[in-house]
Amino acid sequence: MGRKLDRAWAEPDAWPVDFNNDQTATTQDVLKYIPGLNTSPPNPAYNVRFDLDGDNKLTTQDVMKFIVPEPDVHSIAAEN
């Protein structure tokens, strides 16, 4: 079971971990990491879209950000 996006604000690519743009984050999105895992530029398998920590490397650190995403500061601010 994946996490469903709030369609009220979501556009394709609005959620960084929804790599296939089906508006859910599932194992199918995690599997998209496989071709580029442990790569960095200029390797053609590297894709910046998967580099969730912005360090110019696709590693398990990026996969972990998928599994345990950072808190959404906009949602937190709206709750307060």
C-alpha atoms as a PDB file:
ATOM      1  CA  MET A   1       0.000   0.000   0.000  1.00  0.00           C
ATOM      2  CA  GLY A   2       1.343   3.410  -0.925  1.00  0.00           C
ATOM      3  CA  ARG A   3       0.726   6.842   0.453  1.00  0.00           C
ATOM      4  CA  LYS A   4      -1.862   8.793  -1.551  1.00  0.00           C
ATOM      5  CA  LEU A   5      -1.165  12.403  -2.438  1.00  0.00           C
ATOM      6  CA  ASP A   6      -3.614  15.162  -1.602  1.00  0.00           C
ATOM      7  CA  ARG A   7      -4.911  15.916  -5.098  1.00  0.00           C
ATOM      8  CA  ALA A   8      -6.069  19.380  -3.985  1.00  0.00           C
ATOM      9  CA  TRP A   9      -2.525  20.656  -4.457  1.00  0.00           C
ATOM     10  CA  ALA A  10      -0.636  17.836  -6.168  1.00  0.00           C
ATOM     11  CA  GLU A  11       0.518  18.101  -9.740  1.00  0.00           C
ATOM     12  CA  PRO A  12       2.717  15.532 -11.480  1.00  0.00           C
ATOM     13  CA  ASP A  13       6.203  15.763  -9.952  1.00  0.00           C
ATOM     14  CA  ALA A  14       4.796  17.711  -6.991  1.00  0.00           C
ATOM     15  CA  TRP A  15       5.920  14.995  -4.589  1.00  0.00           C
ATOM     16  CA  PRO A  16       9.634  14.173  -4.968  1.00  0.00           C
ATOM     17  CA  VAL A  17       9.275  10.441  -4.283  1.00  0.00           C
ATOM     18  CA  ASP A  18       6.486   9.791  -6.819  1.00  0.00           C
ATOM     19  CA  PHE A  19       8.861   8.931  -9.655  1.00  0.00           C
ATOM     20  CA  ASN A  20       6.257   7.412 -11.974  1.00  0.00           C
ATOM     21  CA  ASN A  21       3.696  10.216 -11.413  1.00  0.00           C
ATOM     22  CA  ASP A  22       0.817   7.923 -10.473  1.00  0.00           C
ATOM     23  CA  GLN A  23       0.055  10.097  -7.419  1.00  0.00           C
ATOM     24  CA  THR A  24       1.160   7.411  -4.941  1.00  0.00           C
ATOM     25  CA  ALA A  25       4.515   6.498  -3.417  1.00  0.00           C
ATOM     26  CA  THR A  26       5.003   2.740  -3.616  1.00  0.00           C
ATOM     27  CA  THR A  27       7.602   0.034  -4.112  1.00  0.00           C
ATOM     28  CA  GLN A  28       7.347   0.724  -7.859  1.00  0.00           C
ATOM     29  CA  ASP A  29       8.900   4.144  -7.199  1.00  0.00           C
ATOM     30  CA  VAL A  30      11.683   2.693  -5.031  1.00  0.00           C
ATOM     31  CA  LEU A  31      12.555   0.181  -7.764  1.00  0.00           C
ATOM     32  CA  LYS A  32      13.278   3.092 -10.117  1.00  0.00           C
ATOM     33  CA  TYR A  33      16.490   3.660  -8.096  1.00  0.00           C
ATOM     34  CA  ILE A  34      18.076   0.380  -9.211  1.00  0.00           C
ATOM     35  CA  PRO A  35      19.618   1.502 -12.549  1.00  0.00           C
ATOM     36  CA  GLY A  36      21.352   4.528 -11.038  1.00  0.00           C
ATOM     37  CA  LEU A  37      22.242   3.312  -7.553  1.00  0.00           C
ATOM     38  CA  ASN A  38      25.825   4.159  -6.566  1.00  0.00           C
ATOM     39  CA  THR A  39      26.333   6.533  -9.499  1.00  0.00           C
ATOM     40  CA  SER A  40      27.193  10.213  -9.818  1.00  0.00           C
ATOM     41  CA  PRO A  41      27.723  12.624 -12.720  1.00  0.00           C
ATOM     42  CA  PRO A  42      28.905  12.205 -15.448  1.00  0.00           C
ATOM     43  CA  ASN A  43      27.707   8.577 -15.353  1.00  0.00           C
ATOM     44  CA  PRO A  44      24.747   8.396 -17.769  1.00  0.00           C
ATOM     45  CA  ALA A  45      22.832   6.220 -15.271  1.00  0.00           C
ATOM     46  CA  TYR A  46      22.831   9.115 -12.756  1.00  0.00           C
ATOM     47  CA  ASN A  47      19.521  11.014 -12.669  1.00  0.00           C
ATOM     48  CA  VAL A  48      19.289  14.134 -10.516  1.00  0.00           C
ATOM     49  CA  ARG A  49      15.536  13.464 -10.042  1.00  0.00           C
ATOM     50  CA  PHE A  50      16.462  10.613  -7.669  1.00  0.00           C
ATOM     51  CA  ASP A  51      19.133  12.561  -5.758  1.00  0.00           C
ATOM     52  CA  LEU A  52      16.894  13.482  -2.819  1.00  0.00           C
ATOM     53  CA  ASP A  53      19.713  14.706  -0.575  1.00  0.00           C
ATOM     54  CA  GLY A  54      21.345  16.825  -3.305  1.00  0.00           C
ATOM     55  CA  ASP A  55      24.883  15.487  -2.913  1.00  0.00           C
ATOM     56  CA  ASN A  56      25.348  14.561  -6.615  1.00  0.00           C
ATOM     57  CA  LYS A  57      25.394  10.841  -5.780  1.00  0.00           C
ATOM     58  CA  LEU A  58      22.626   8.234  -5.883  1.00  0.00           C
ATOM     59  CA  THR A  59      23.116   6.117  -2.791  1.00  0.00           C
ATOM     60  CA  THR A  60      21.122   4.336  -0.126  1.00  0.00           C
ATOM     61  CA  GLN A  61      20.963   7.716   1.647  1.00  0.00           C
ATOM     62  CA  ASP A  62      18.598   8.864  -1.109  1.00  0.00           C
ATOM     63  CA  VAL A  63      16.528   5.688  -0.779  1.00  0.00           C
ATOM     64  CA  MET A  64      16.284   6.276   2.976  1.00  0.00           C
ATOM     65  CA  LYS A  65      14.906   9.779   2.331  1.00  0.00           C
ATOM     66  CA  PHE A  66      12.217   8.080   0.256  1.00  0.00           C
ATOM     67  CA  ILE A  67      11.363   5.659   3.046  1.00  0.00           C
ATOM     68  CA  VAL A  68      11.506   8.252   5.850  1.00  0.00           C
ATOM     69  CA  PRO A  69      10.751  11.602   4.206  1.00  0.00           C
ATOM     70  CA  GLU A  70      11.661  14.911   5.790  1.00  0.00           C
ATOM     71  CA  PRO A  71       8.781  16.641   7.593  1.00  0.00           C
ATOM     72  CA  ASP A  72       6.826  19.023   5.377  1.00  0.00           C
ATOM     73  CA  VAL A  73       7.534  22.416   6.918  1.00  0.00           C
ATOM     74  CA  HIS A  74       4.552  23.952   5.131  1.00  0.00           C
ATOM     75  CA  SER A  75       2.147  21.461   6.697  1.00  0.00           C
ATOM     76  CA  ILE A  76       3.722  21.954  10.124  1.00  0.00           C
ATOM     77  CA  ALA A  77       3.430  25.740   9.817  1.00  0.00           C
ATOM     78  CA  ALA A  78      -0.222  25.445   8.725  1.00  0.00           C
ATOM     79  CA  GLU A  79      -1.032  23.323  11.777  1.00  0.00           C
ATOM     80  CA  ASN A  80       0.350  25.964  14.153  1.00  0.00           C
END
